[in-house]
Amino acid sequence: MFIISYDFKDDKVRARFSKYIKKYGRKIQYSVYEIKNSDRVLKNIAKEIELKYAKQFTGADSILIFPVCETCKKKVMRYGYAANEEKEVIVFE
């Protein structure tokens, strides 16, 4: 699992990146996504950032990627809506 946080000065670039990154994970805060995938997905995202978005960076733009190890993932404390995301749901028909 990893967390991606971003901030772009340009609204169009920010919207395009948000649309791109939402394919891989879920939004947990404005401009913050939780990605539950493999290192290969992370490498693909990093490559996309380098090829497509880094060229457009201004001095005010940034993307941060925080890897979360398995041990740390178990220590994440979730409250409110986020607490329900990790629970299994059973559907009766």
PDB file of N, CA and C in Angstrom:
ATOM      1  N   MET A   1       0.853  -1.175   0.000  1.00  0.00           N
ATOM      2  CA  MET A   1       0.000   0.000   0.000  1.00  0.00           C
ATOM      3  C   MET A   1       0.894   1.230   0.000  1.00  0.00           C
ATOM      4  N   PHE A   2       0.422   2.292  -0.628  1.00  0.00           N
ATOM      5  CA  PHE A   2       1.113   3.558  -0.547  1.00  0.00           C
ATOM      6  C   PHE A   2       0.112   4.703  -0.633  1.00  0.00           C
ATOM      7  N   ILE A   3       0.540   5.860  -0.168  1.00  0.00           N
ATOM      8  CA  ILE A   3      -0.275   7.061  -0.138  1.00  0.00           C
ATOM      9  C   ILE A   3       0.338   8.053  -1.113  1.00  0.00           C
ATOM     10  N   ILE A   4      -0.496   8.657  -1.941  1.00  0.00           N
ATOM     11  CA  ILE A   4      -0.037   9.698  -2.859  1.00  0.00           C
ATOM     12  C   ILE A   4      -0.749  10.992  -2.499  1.00  0.00           C
ATOM     13  N   SER A   5       0.049  12.022  -2.319  1.00  0.00           N
ATOM     14  CA  SER A   5      -0.460  13.360  -2.043  1.00  0.00           C
ATOM     15  C   SER A   5       0.083  14.291  -3.117  1.00  0.00           C
ATOM     16  N   TYR A   6      -0.736  15.176  -3.613  1.00  0.00           N
ATOM     17  CA  TYR A   6      -0.280  16.059  -4.684  1.00  0.00           C
ATOM     18  C   TYR A   6      -0.889  17.442  -4.548  1.00  0.00           C
ATOM     19  N   ASP A   7      -0.201  18.405  -5.158  1.00  0.00           N
ATOM     20  CA  ASP A   7      -0.698  19.772  -5.216  1.00  0.00           C
ATOM     21  C   ASP A   7      -0.155  20.411  -6.483  1.00  0.00           C
ATOM     22  N   PHE A   8      -1.048  20.863  -7.334  1.00  0.00           N
ATOM     23  CA  PHE A   8      -0.684  21.561  -8.566  1.00  0.00           C
ATOM     24  C   PHE A   8      -1.320  22.939  -8.552  1.00  0.00           C
ATOM     25  N   LYS A   9      -0.584  23.902  -8.953  1.00  0.00           N
ATOM     26  CA  LYS A   9      -1.107  25.264  -9.030  1.00  0.00           C
ATOM     27  C   LYS A   9      -2.155  25.364 -10.138  1.00  0.00           C
ATOM     28  N   ASP A  10      -1.897  24.712 -11.266  1.00  0.00           N
ATOM     29  CA  ASP A  10      -2.786  24.748 -12.419  1.00  0.00           C
ATOM     30  C   ASP A  10      -3.964  23.801 -12.213  1.00  0.00           C
ATOM     31  N   ASP A  11      -5.168  24.332 -12.230  1.00  0.00           N
ATOM     32  CA  ASP A  11      -6.376  23.539 -12.003  1.00  0.00           C
ATOM     33  C   ASP A  11      -6.545  22.414 -13.022  1.00  0.00           C
ATOM     34  N   LYS A  12      -6.211  22.676 -14.273  1.00  0.00           N
ATOM     35  CA  LYS A  12      -6.372  21.653 -15.316  1.00  0.00           C
ATOM     36  C   LYS A  12      -5.422  20.479 -15.094  1.00  0.00           C
ATOM     37  N   VAL A  13      -4.176  20.781 -14.743  1.00  0.00           N
ATOM     38  CA  VAL A  13      -3.203  19.713 -14.481  1.00  0.00           C
ATOM     39  C   VAL A  13      -3.631  18.916 -13.252  1.00  0.00           C
ATOM     40  N   ARG A  14      -4.087  19.611 -12.208  1.00  0.00           N
ATOM     41  CA  ARG A  14      -4.547  18.944 -10.988  1.00  0.00           C
ATOM     42  C   ARG A  14      -5.726  18.022 -11.287  1.00  0.00           C
ATOM     43  N   ALA A  15      -6.680  18.491 -12.069  1.00  0.00           N
ATOM     44  CA  ALA A  15      -7.847  17.682 -12.412  1.00  0.00           C
ATOM     45  C   ALA A  15      -7.445  16.472 -13.255  1.00  0.00           C
ATOM     46  N   ARG A  16      -6.526  16.655 -14.183  1.00  0.00           N
ATOM     47  CA  ARG A  16      -6.063  15.551 -15.036  1.00  0.00           C
ATOM     48  C   ARG A  16      -5.335  14.500 -14.205  1.00  0.00           C
ATOM     49  N   PHE A  17      -4.483  14.959 -13.267  1.00  0.00           N
ATOM     50  CA  PHE A  17      -3.761  14.001 -12.425  1.00  0.00           C
ATOM     51  C   PHE A  17      -4.732  13.266 -11.501  1.00  0.00           C
ATOM     52  N   SER A  18      -5.685  13.971 -10.951  1.00  0.00           N
ATOM     53  CA  SER A  18      -6.676  13.342 -10.076  1.00  0.00           C
ATOM     54  C   SER A  18      -7.445  12.253 -10.823  1.00  0.00           C
ATOM     55  N   LYS A  19      -7.855  12.567 -12.037  1.00  0.00           N
ATOM     56  CA  LYS A  19      -8.582  11.582 -12.856  1.00  0.00           C
ATOM     57  C   LYS A  19      -7.697  10.371 -13.145  1.00  0.00           C
ATOM     58  N   TYR A  20      -6.425  10.622 -13.410  1.00  0.00           N
ATOM     59  CA  TYR A  20      -5.489   9.526 -13.691  1.00  0.00           C
ATOM     60  C   TYR A  20      -5.291   8.638 -12.459  1.00  0.00           C
ATOM     61  N   ILE A  21      -5.017   9.240 -11.318  1.00  0.00           N
ATOM     62  CA  ILE A  21      -4.634   8.472 -10.121  1.00  0.00           C
ATOM     63  C   ILE A  21      -5.834   7.750  -9.510  1.00  0.00           C
ATOM     64  N   LYS A  22      -7.037   8.246  -9.749  1.00  0.00           N
ATOM     65  CA  LYS A  22      -8.228   7.606  -9.176  1.00  0.00           C
ATOM     66  C   LYS A  22      -8.465   6.217  -9.757  1.00  0.00           C
ATOM     67  N   LYS A  23      -7.860   5.906 -10.901  1.00  0.00           N
ATOM     68  CA  LYS A  23      -7.975   4.557 -11.488  1.00  0.00           C
ATOM     69  C   LYS A  23      -7.299   3.508 -10.620  1.00  0.00           C
ATOM     70  N   TYR A  24      -6.363   3.931  -9.778  1.00  0.00           N
ATOM     71  CA  TYR A  24      -5.549   2.983  -9.023  1.00  0.00           C
ATOM     72  C   TYR A  24      -5.936   2.858  -7.555  1.00  0.00           C
ATOM     73  N   GLY A  25      -6.690   3.805  -7.034  1.00  0.00           N
ATOM     74  CA  GLY A  25      -6.993   3.734  -5.613  1.00  0.00           C
ATOM     75  C   GLY A  25      -8.200   4.568  -5.249  1.00  0.00           C
ATOM     76  N   ARG A  26      -8.312   4.842  -3.981  1.00  0.00           N
ATOM     77  CA  ARG A  26      -9.467   5.607  -3.521  1.00  0.00           C
ATOM     78  C   ARG A  26      -9.012   6.897  -2.863  1.00  0.00           C
ATOM     79  N   LYS A  27      -9.823   7.898  -3.031  1.00  0.00           N
ATOM     80  CA  LYS A  27      -9.545   9.211  -2.467  1.00  0.00           C
ATOM     81  C   LYS A  27      -9.819   9.164  -0.970  1.00  0.00           C
ATOM     82  N   ILE A  28      -8.844   9.585  -0.165  1.00  0.00           N
ATOM     83  CA  ILE A  28      -9.066   9.610   1.276  1.00  0.00           C
ATOM     84  C   ILE A  28      -9.166  11.037   1.803  1.00  0.00           C
ATOM     85  N   GLN A  29      -8.644  11.975   1.075  1.00  0.00           N
ATOM     86  CA  GLN A  29      -8.769  13.396   1.366  1.00  0.00           C
ATOM     87  C   GLN A  29      -8.630  14.125   0.040  1.00  0.00           C
ATOM     88  N   TYR A  30      -8.907  15.408   0.027  1.00  0.00           N
ATOM     89  CA  TYR A  30      -8.713  16.178  -1.190  1.00  0.00           C
ATOM     90  C   TYR A  30      -7.236  16.108  -1.572  1.00  0.00           C
ATOM     91  N   SER A  31      -6.948  15.646  -2.753  1.00  0.00           N
ATOM     92  CA  SER A  31      -5.580  15.499  -3.282  1.00  0.00           C
ATOM     93  C   SER A  31      -4.739  14.466  -2.539  1.00  0.00           C
ATOM     94  N   VAL A  32      -5.386  13.501  -1.887  1.00  0.00           N
ATOM     95  CA  VAL A  32      -4.673  12.406  -1.214  1.00  0.00           C
ATOM     96  C   VAL A  32      -5.391  11.099  -1.552  1.00  0.00           C
ATOM     97  N   TYR A  33      -4.618  10.134  -2.060  1.00  0.00           N
ATOM     98  CA  TYR A  33      -5.173   8.843  -2.449  1.00  0.00           C
ATOM     99  C   TYR A  33      -4.436   7.707  -1.761  1.00  0.00           C
ATOM    100  N   GLU A  34      -5.180   6.650  -1.465  1.00  0.00           N
ATOM    101  CA  GLU A  34      -4.617   5.418  -0.926  1.00  0.00           C
ATOM    102  C   GLU A  34      -4.635   4.395  -2.062  1.00  0.00           C
ATOM    103  N   ILE A  35      -3.471   3.849  -2.357  1.00  0.00           N
ATOM    104  CA  ILE A  35      -3.336   2.879  -3.434  1.00  0.00           C
ATOM    105  C   ILE A  35      -2.972   1.537  -2.821  1.00  0.00           C
ATOM    106  N   LYS A  36      -3.808   0.524  -3.055  1.00  0.00           N
ATOM    107  CA  LYS A  36      -3.553  -0.816  -2.515  1.00  0.00           C
ATOM    108  C   LYS A  36      -3.155  -1.724  -3.660  1.00  0.00           C
ATOM    109  N   ASN A  37      -1.950  -1.572  -4.134  1.00  0.00           N
ATOM    110  CA  ASN A  37      -1.480  -2.371  -5.253  1.00  0.00           C
ATOM    111  C   ASN A  37      -0.018  -2.710  -5.085  1.00  0.00           C
ATOM    112  N   SER A  38       0.526  -3.299  -6.102  1.00  0.00           N
ATOM    113  CA  SER A  38       1.887  -3.817  -6.067  1.00  0.00           C
ATOM    114  C   SER A  38       2.935  -2.754  -6.373  1.00  0.00           C
ATOM    115  N   ASP A  39       4.188  -3.155  -6.199  1.00  0.00           N
ATOM    116  CA  ASP A  39       5.304  -2.276  -6.550  1.00  0.00           C
ATOM    117  C   ASP A  39       5.305  -1.976  -8.045  1.00  0.00           C
ATOM    118  N   ARG A  40       4.817  -2.907  -8.841  1.00  0.00           N
ATOM    119  CA  ARG A  40       4.763  -2.686 -10.284  1.00  0.00           C
ATOM    120  C   ARG A  40       3.828  -1.522 -10.622  1.00  0.00           C
ATOM    121  N   VAL A  41       2.713  -1.444  -9.927  1.00  0.00           N
ATOM    122  CA  VAL A  41       1.786  -0.331 -10.134  1.00  0.00           C
ATOM    123  C   VAL A  41       2.459   0.974  -9.726  1.00  0.00           C
ATOM    124  N   LEU A  42       3.173   0.935  -8.619  1.00  0.00           N
ATOM    125  CA  LEU A  42       3.893   2.128  -8.164  1.00  0.00           C
ATOM    126  C   LEU A  42       4.914   2.574  -9.214  1.00  0.00           C
ATOM    127  N   LYS A  43       5.633   1.631  -9.798  1.00  0.00           N
ATOM    128  CA  LYS A  43       6.611   1.977 -10.837  1.00  0.00           C
ATOM    129  C   LYS A  43       5.928   2.574 -12.059  1.00  0.00           C
ATOM    130  N   ASN A  44       4.768   2.044 -12.418  1.00  0.00           N
ATOM    131  CA  ASN A  44       4.014   2.592 -13.545  1.00  0.00           C
ATOM    132  C   ASN A  44       3.560   4.022 -13.271  1.00  0.00           C
ATOM    133  N   ILE A  45       3.078   4.254 -12.068  1.00  0.00           N
ATOM    134  CA  ILE A  45       2.637   5.601 -11.694  1.00  0.00           C
ATOM    135  C   ILE A  45       3.824   6.558 -11.699  1.00  0.00           C
ATOM    136  N   ALA A  46       4.939   6.135 -11.121  1.00  0.00           N
ATOM    137  CA  ALA A  46       6.136   6.983 -11.093  1.00  0.00           C
ATOM    138  C   ALA A  46       6.608   7.322 -12.502  1.00  0.00           C
ATOM    139  N   LYS A  47       6.556   6.348 -13.391  1.00  0.00           N
ATOM    140  CA  LYS A  47       6.972   6.577 -14.784  1.00  0.00           C
ATOM    141  C   LYS A  47       6.030   7.569 -15.463  1.00  0.00           C
ATOM    142  N   GLU A  48       4.748   7.420 -15.229  1.00  0.00           N
ATOM    143  CA  GLU A  48       3.756   8.350 -15.793  1.00  0.00           C
ATOM    144  C   GLU A  48       3.990   9.769 -15.281  1.00  0.00           C
ATOM    145  N   ILE A  49       4.296   9.890 -14.005  1.00  0.00           N
ATOM    146  CA  ILE A  49       4.586  11.212 -13.430  1.00  0.00           C
ATOM    147  C   ILE A  49       5.806  11.817 -14.121  1.00  0.00           C
ATOM    148  N   GLU A  50       6.861  11.030 -14.263  1.00  0.00           N
ATOM    149  CA  GLU A  50       8.088  11.520 -14.888  1.00  0.00           C
ATOM    150  C   GLU A  50       7.868  11.921 -16.339  1.00  0.00           C
ATOM    151  N   LEU A  51       7.118  11.108 -17.091  1.00  0.00           N
ATOM    152  CA  LEU A  51       6.950  11.363 -18.518  1.00  0.00           C
ATOM    153  C   LEU A  51       5.917  12.441 -18.834  1.00  0.00           C
ATOM    154  N   LYS A  52       4.865  12.509 -18.030  1.00  0.00           N
ATOM    155  CA  LYS A  52       3.747  13.369 -18.386  1.00  0.00           C
ATOM    156  C   LYS A  52       3.603  14.622 -17.516  1.00  0.00           C
ATOM    157  N   TYR A  53       3.826  14.482 -16.228  1.00  0.00           N
ATOM    158  CA  TYR A  53       3.500  15.575 -15.320  1.00  0.00           C
ATOM    159  C   TYR A  53       4.710  16.391 -14.871  1.00  0.00           C
ATOM    160  N   ALA A  54       5.853  15.773 -14.716  1.00  0.00           N
ATOM    161  CA  ALA A  54       7.038  16.481 -14.210  1.00  0.00           C
ATOM    162  C   ALA A  54       7.431  17.640 -15.115  1.00  0.00           C
ATOM    163  N   LYS A  55       7.193  17.500 -16.416  1.00  0.00           N
ATOM    164  CA  LYS A  55       7.518  18.559 -17.370  1.00  0.00           C
ATOM    165  C   LYS A  55       6.703  19.821 -17.106  1.00  0.00           C
ATOM    166  N   GLN A  56       5.536  19.652 -16.510  1.00  0.00           N
ATOM    167  CA  GLN A  56       4.623  20.768 -16.303  1.00  0.00           C
ATOM    168  C   GLN A  56       4.750  21.393 -14.914  1.00  0.00           C
ATOM    169  N   PHE A  57       5.636  20.865 -14.084  1.00  0.00           N
ATOM    170  CA  PHE A  57       5.778  21.370 -12.722  1.00  0.00           C
ATOM    171  C   PHE A  57       6.225  22.833 -12.707  1.00  0.00           C
ATOM    172  N   THR A  58       5.649  23.572 -11.797  1.00  0.00           N
ATOM    173  CA  THR A  58       6.138  24.912 -11.482  1.00  0.00           C
ATOM    174  C   THR A  58       6.798  24.808 -10.115  1.00  0.00           C
ATOM    175  N   GLY A  59       7.303  25.902  -9.607  1.00  0.00           N
ATOM    176  CA  GLY A  59       7.925  25.886  -8.283  1.00  0.00           C
ATOM    177  C   GLY A  59       6.956  25.571  -7.163  1.00  0.00           C
ATOM    178  N   ALA A  60       5.647  25.658  -7.439  1.00  0.00           N
ATOM    179  CA  ALA A  60       4.635  25.429  -6.404  1.00  0.00           C
ATOM    180  C   ALA A  60       4.022  24.032  -6.459  1.00  0.00           C
ATOM    181  N   ASP A  61       4.387  23.227  -7.451  1.00  0.00           N
ATOM    182  CA  ASP A  61       3.765  21.915  -7.635  1.00  0.00           C
ATOM    183  C   ASP A  61       4.559  20.815  -6.927  1.00  0.00           C
ATOM    184  N   SER A  62       3.835  19.788  -6.470  1.00  0.00           N
ATOM    185  CA  SER A  62       4.527  18.656  -5.845  1.00  0.00           C
ATOM    186  C   SER A  62       3.648  17.413  -5.860  1.00  0.00           C
ATOM    187  N   ILE A  63       4.321  16.277  -5.863  1.00  0.00           N
ATOM    188  CA  ILE A  63       3.677  14.975  -5.675  1.00  0.00           C
ATOM    189  C   ILE A  63       4.537  14.227  -4.661  1.00  0.00           C
ATOM    190  N   LEU A  64       3.909  13.703  -3.638  1.00  0.00           N
ATOM    191  CA  LEU A  64       4.611  12.915  -2.623  1.00  0.00           C
ATOM    192  C   LEU A  64       4.023  11.506  -2.630  1.00  0.00           C
ATOM    193  N   ILE A  65       4.898  10.514  -2.596  1.00  0.00           N
ATOM    194  CA  ILE A  65       4.469   9.119  -2.527  1.00  0.00           C
ATOM    195  C   ILE A  65       5.058   8.512  -1.265  1.00  0.00           C
ATOM    196  N   PHE A  66       4.176   8.035  -0.395  1.00  0.00           N
ATOM    197  CA  PHE A  66       4.586   7.447   0.875  1.00  0.00           C
ATOM    198  C   PHE A  66       4.316   5.950   0.851  1.00  0.00           C
ATOM    199  N   PRO A  67       5.336   5.114   0.805  1.00  0.00           N
ATOM    200  CA  PRO A  67       5.098   3.679   0.896  1.00  0.00           C
ATOM    201  C   PRO A  67       4.705   3.312   2.331  1.00  0.00           C
ATOM    202  N   VAL A  68       3.796   2.372   2.455  1.00  0.00           N
ATOM    203  CA  VAL A  68       3.356   1.904   3.773  1.00  0.00           C
ATOM    204  C   VAL A  68       3.648   0.401   3.827  1.00  0.00           C
ATOM    205  N   CYS A  69       4.568   0.003   4.697  1.00  0.00           N
ATOM    206  CA  CYS A  69       4.932  -1.410   4.797  1.00  0.00           C
ATOM    207  C   CYS A  69       3.804  -2.207   5.464  1.00  0.00           C
ATOM    208  N   GLU A  70       3.876  -3.510   5.360  1.00  0.00           N
ATOM    209  CA  GLU A  70       2.836  -4.379   5.918  1.00  0.00           C
ATOM    210  C   GLU A  70       2.665  -4.175   7.424  1.00  0.00           C
ATOM    211  N   THR A  71       3.771  -4.039   8.134  1.00  0.00           N
ATOM    212  CA  THR A  71       3.706  -3.830   9.587  1.00  0.00           C
ATOM    213  C   THR A  71       3.020  -2.513   9.908  1.00  0.00           C
ATOM    214  N   CYS A  72       3.390  -1.460   9.183  1.00  0.00           N
ATOM    215  CA  CYS A  72       2.793  -0.141   9.418  1.00  0.00           C
ATOM    216  C   CYS A  72       1.325  -0.112   9.010  1.00  0.00           C
ATOM    217  N   LYS A  73       0.992  -0.848   7.951  1.00  0.00           N
ATOM    218  CA  LYS A  73      -0.385  -0.886   7.471  1.00  0.00           C
ATOM    219  C   LYS A  73      -1.323  -1.394   8.564  1.00  0.00           C
ATOM    220  N   LYS A  74      -0.851  -2.343   9.362  1.00  0.00           N
ATOM    221  CA  LYS A  74      -1.663  -2.885  10.451  1.00  0.00           C
ATOM    222  C   LYS A  74      -1.844  -1.883  11.586  1.00  0.00           C
ATOM    223  N   LYS A  75      -0.979  -0.879  11.641  1.00  0.00           N
ATOM    224  CA  LYS A  75      -1.029   0.121  12.707  1.00  0.00           C
ATOM    225  C   LYS A  75      -1.825   1.367  12.327  1.00  0.00           C
ATOM    226  N   VAL A  76      -2.298   1.426  11.080  1.00  0.00           N
ATOM    227  CA  VAL A  76      -3.068   2.589  10.643  1.00  0.00           C
ATOM    228  C   VAL A  76      -4.355   2.662  11.452  1.00  0.00           C
ATOM    229  N   MET A  77      -4.618   3.814  12.003  1.00  0.00           N
ATOM    230  CA  MET A  77      -5.835   4.024  12.799  1.00  0.00           C
ATOM    231  C   MET A  77      -6.834   4.772  11.928  1.00  0.00           C
ATOM    232  N   ARG A  78      -8.034   4.219  11.797  1.00  0.00           N
ATOM    233  CA  ARG A  78      -9.064   4.794  10.940  1.00  0.00           C
ATOM    234  C   ARG A  78     -10.279   5.152  11.784  1.00  0.00           C
ATOM    235  N   TYR A  79     -10.828   6.317  11.502  1.00  0.00           N
ATOM    236  CA  TYR A  79     -12.010   6.788  12.219  1.00  0.00           C
ATOM    237  C   TYR A  79     -13.044   7.280  11.217  1.00  0.00           C
ATOM    238  N   GLY A  80     -14.283   7.346  11.658  1.00  0.00           N
ATOM    239  CA  GLY A  80     -15.337   7.837  10.785  1.00  0.00           C
ATOM    240  C   GLY A  80     -15.546   6.925   9.592  1.00  0.00           C
ATOM    241  N   TYR A  81     -15.803   7.524   8.451  1.00  0.00           N
ATOM    242  CA  TYR A  81     -16.052   6.765   7.225  1.00  0.00           C
ATOM    243  C   TYR A  81     -14.895   5.839   6.902  1.00  0.00           C
ATOM    244  N   ALA A  82     -13.671   6.283   7.119  1.00  0.00           N
ATOM    245  CA  ALA A  82     -12.487   5.481   6.806  1.00  0.00           C
ATOM    246  C   ALA A  82     -12.458   4.176   7.591  1.00  0.00           C
ATOM    247  N   ALA A  83     -13.027   4.161   8.779  1.00  0.00           N
ATOM    248  CA  ALA A  83     -13.031   2.949   9.599  1.00  0.00           C
ATOM    249  C   ALA A  83     -13.846   1.845   8.944  1.00  0.00           C
ATOM    250  N   ASN A  84     -14.881   2.205   8.219  1.00  0.00           N
ATOM    251  CA  ASN A  84     -15.742   1.219   7.570  1.00  0.00           C
ATOM    252  C   ASN A  84     -15.152   0.658   6.290  1.00  0.00           C
ATOM    253  N   GLU A  85     -14.189   1.331   5.721  1.00  0.00           N
ATOM    254  CA  GLU A  85     -13.584   0.895   4.471  1.00  0.00           C
ATOM    255  C   GLU A  85     -12.885  -0.455   4.599  1.00  0.00           C
ATOM    256  N   GLU A  86     -12.358  -0.752   5.742  1.00  0.00           N
ATOM    257  CA  GLU A  86     -11.572  -1.979   5.931  1.00  0.00           C
ATOM    258  C   GLU A  86     -12.418  -3.155   6.409  1.00  0.00           C
ATOM    259  N   LYS A  87     -13.656  -2.916   6.741  1.00  0.00           N
ATOM    260  CA  LYS A  87     -14.507  -3.991   7.232  1.00  0.00           C
ATOM    261  C   LYS A  87     -15.086  -4.784   6.070  1.00  0.00           C
ATOM    262  N   GLU A  88     -15.230  -6.077   6.282  1.00  0.00           N
ATOM    263  CA  GLU A  88     -15.847  -6.918   5.265  1.00  0.00           C
ATOM    264  C   GLU A  88     -17.349  -6.741   5.317  1.00  0.00           C
ATOM    265  N   VAL A  89     -17.956  -6.760   4.154  1.00  0.00           N
ATOM    266  CA  VAL A  89     -19.395  -6.581   4.046  1.00  0.00           C
ATOM    267  C   VAL A  89     -20.008  -7.886   3.567  1.00  0.00           C
ATOM    268  N   ILE A  90     -21.077  -8.291   4.211  1.00  0.00           N
ATOM    269  CA  ILE A  90     -21.789  -9.496   3.809  1.00  0.00           C
ATOM    270  C   ILE A  90     -23.138  -9.064   3.244  1.00  0.00           C
ATOM    271  N   VAL A  91     -23.462  -9.552   2.071  1.00  0.00           N
ATOM    272  CA  VAL A  91     -24.727  -9.192   1.416  1.00  0.00           C
ATOM    273  C   VAL A  91     -25.590 -10.429   1.368  1.00  0.00           C
ATOM    274  N   PHE A  92     -26.831 -10.306   1.878  1.00  0.00           N
ATOM    275  CA  PHE A  92     -27.801 -11.393   1.828  1.00  0.00           C
ATOM    276  C   PHE A  92     -28.815 -11.078   0.735  1.00  0.00           C
ATOM    277  N   GLU A  93     -29.071 -12.061  -0.106  1.00  0.00           N
ATOM    278  CA  GLU A  93     -30.069 -11.847  -1.169  1.00  0.00           C
ATOM    279  C   GLU A  93     -31.275 -12.708  -0.946  1.00  0.00           C
TER     280      GLU A  93
END
